[in-house]
Structure formats: C-alpha cells, structure tokens
Protein backbone atom coordinates (compact mmCIF):
# COMPACT_ATOMS: atom_id res chain seq x y z
CA MET A 1 0.00 0.00 0.00
CA ASN A 2 1.21 3.49 -0.79
CA GLU A 3 2.98 5.14 2.18
CA ILE A 4 1.09 8.41 1.70
CA ILE A 5 -2.28 6.62 1.78
CA MET A 6 -1.26 4.81 4.98
CA LYS A 7 -0.33 8.13 6.64
CA GLU A 8 -3.65 9.63 5.61
CA ASN A 9 -5.44 6.68 7.16
CA VAL A 10 -3.51 7.18 10.40
CA ILE A 11 -4.50 10.84 10.52
CA LYS A 12 -8.09 9.93 9.69
CA SER A 13 -8.33 7.21 12.33
CA LYS A 14 -6.54 9.20 15.04
CA SER A 15 -8.65 12.31 14.48
CA PHE A 16 -11.80 10.17 14.67
CA ALA A 17 -10.60 8.46 17.86
CA PHE A 18 -9.80 11.88 19.31
CA ALA A 19 -13.30 13.12 18.45
CA LEU A 20 -14.80 10.13 20.25
CA ARG A 21 -12.76 10.94 23.37
CA ILE A 22 -13.89 14.57 23.18
CA VAL A 23 -17.55 13.48 22.97
CA LYS A 24 -17.07 11.23 26.02
CA LEU A 25 -15.38 14.07 27.91
CA TYR A 26 -18.22 16.44 26.99
CA LYS A 27 -20.79 13.94 28.27
CA TYR A 28 -18.83 13.50 31.49
CA LEU A 29 -18.42 17.24 32.08
CA SER A 30 -22.04 18.07 31.32
CA THR A 31 -23.59 15.26 33.35
CA THR A 32 -21.19 14.93 36.28
CA HIS A 33 -20.05 18.53 36.71
CA ASN A 34 -22.92 20.46 35.10
CA GLU A 35 -20.35 22.25 32.95
CA TYR A 36 -21.92 23.32 29.66
CA VAL A 37 -20.25 26.47 28.35
CA LEU A 38 -16.57 25.51 28.09
CA SER A 39 -17.31 21.87 27.36
CA LYS A 40 -19.57 22.86 24.46
CA GLN A 41 -16.73 24.90 22.95
CA LEU A 42 -14.43 21.92 23.44
CA LEU A 43 -16.95 19.63 21.76
CA ARG A 44 -17.26 21.92 18.77
CA SER A 45 -13.56 22.42 18.14
CA GLY A 46 -12.48 18.89 19.11
CA THR A 47 -14.87 17.18 16.72
CA ALA A 48 -14.23 19.67 13.90
CA ILE A 49 -10.68 18.38 13.50
CA GLY A 50 -11.74 14.98 12.20
CA ALA A 51 -14.51 16.46 10.08
CA LEU A 52 -12.00 18.71 8.34
CA VAL A 53 -9.61 15.80 7.80
CA ARG A 54 -12.47 13.91 6.15
CA GLU A 55 -13.35 16.95 4.03
CA SER A 56 -9.75 17.18 2.87
CA GLU A 57 -10.01 13.71 1.31
CA HIS A 58 -12.28 15.19 -1.34
CA ALA A 59 -10.57 18.53 -1.78
CA GLU A 60 -11.09 20.19 -5.14
CA SER A 61 -7.43 21.12 -5.50
CA LYS A 62 -4.09 20.90 -3.73
CA ALA A 63 -4.68 24.41 -2.36
CA ASP A 64 -8.11 23.35 -1.04
CA PHE A 65 -6.53 20.28 0.58
CA ILE A 66 -3.91 22.43 2.32
CA HIS A 67 -6.55 24.95 3.37
CA LYS A 68 -8.79 22.32 4.96
CA LEU A 69 -5.91 20.78 6.89
CA SER A 70 -4.74 24.25 7.96
CA ILE A 71 -8.17 24.89 9.43
CA ALA A 72 -7.99 21.48 11.16
CA LEU A 73 -4.71 22.60 12.72
CA LYS A 74 -6.35 25.81 13.95
CA GLU A 75 -9.19 23.76 15.46
CA ALA A 76 -6.62 21.52 17.17
CA ASN A 77 -4.95 24.59 18.65
CA GLU A 78 -8.32 25.90 19.85
CA THR A 79 -9.11 22.51 21.37
CA ASP A 80 -5.82 22.61 23.23
CA TYR A 81 -6.82 26.02 24.61
CA TRP A 82 -10.19 24.75 25.90
CA LEU A 83 -8.58 21.66 27.45
CA GLU A 84 -6.01 23.83 29.21
CA LEU A 85 -8.67 26.27 30.41
CA LEU A 86 -10.86 23.44 31.72
CA SER A 87 -7.90 21.81 33.41
CA GLN A 88 -6.84 24.98 35.22
CA SER A 89 -10.29 26.27 36.17
C-alpha cells in the first residue's frame, strides 16, 4: 500500500478516535459537573478536526486540501486552549 495513503489513514483514524474521546469528555463534564459552556466549545472544536480531515479527502485542489488541513490545525490549537482552560479552572 502506498505510504502516503497509509499516513492519511492514520490521521483519519486518530482524528476520529480523538473526536470520540472529546464526545465522552463532553458527556462526562455536562452530566457529572454540570459544565456546559466551556465543554460545548471543546466539543465543537475537538470534533471539527476529524470532520476537516475527512473533508480534505475530497478537496477540489491541492490548495483546497492544504486549506482544509490548515483549518484542522487551527481547530486543534483551539481545542488545546479549551482543554487547558478546563484543566486549570
């Protein structure tokens, strides 16, 4: 199998697994700790990463592919922010 395709599958599977963990964390925070505001932001950004990776698979051009993955990187950075804020608050 082509090495590039294998790497794409790793990114795809890891971003999906990450989204699942984010959903579980959101459920935990909202049910156990009644935390809705920050956890909702975390849910939005944390699940967007995988969605953008999936979108990039059908990019219309190389520039579109790069753009979608760049947005995924921004969402990952935002997710890191919300996790840090939740952790320290």
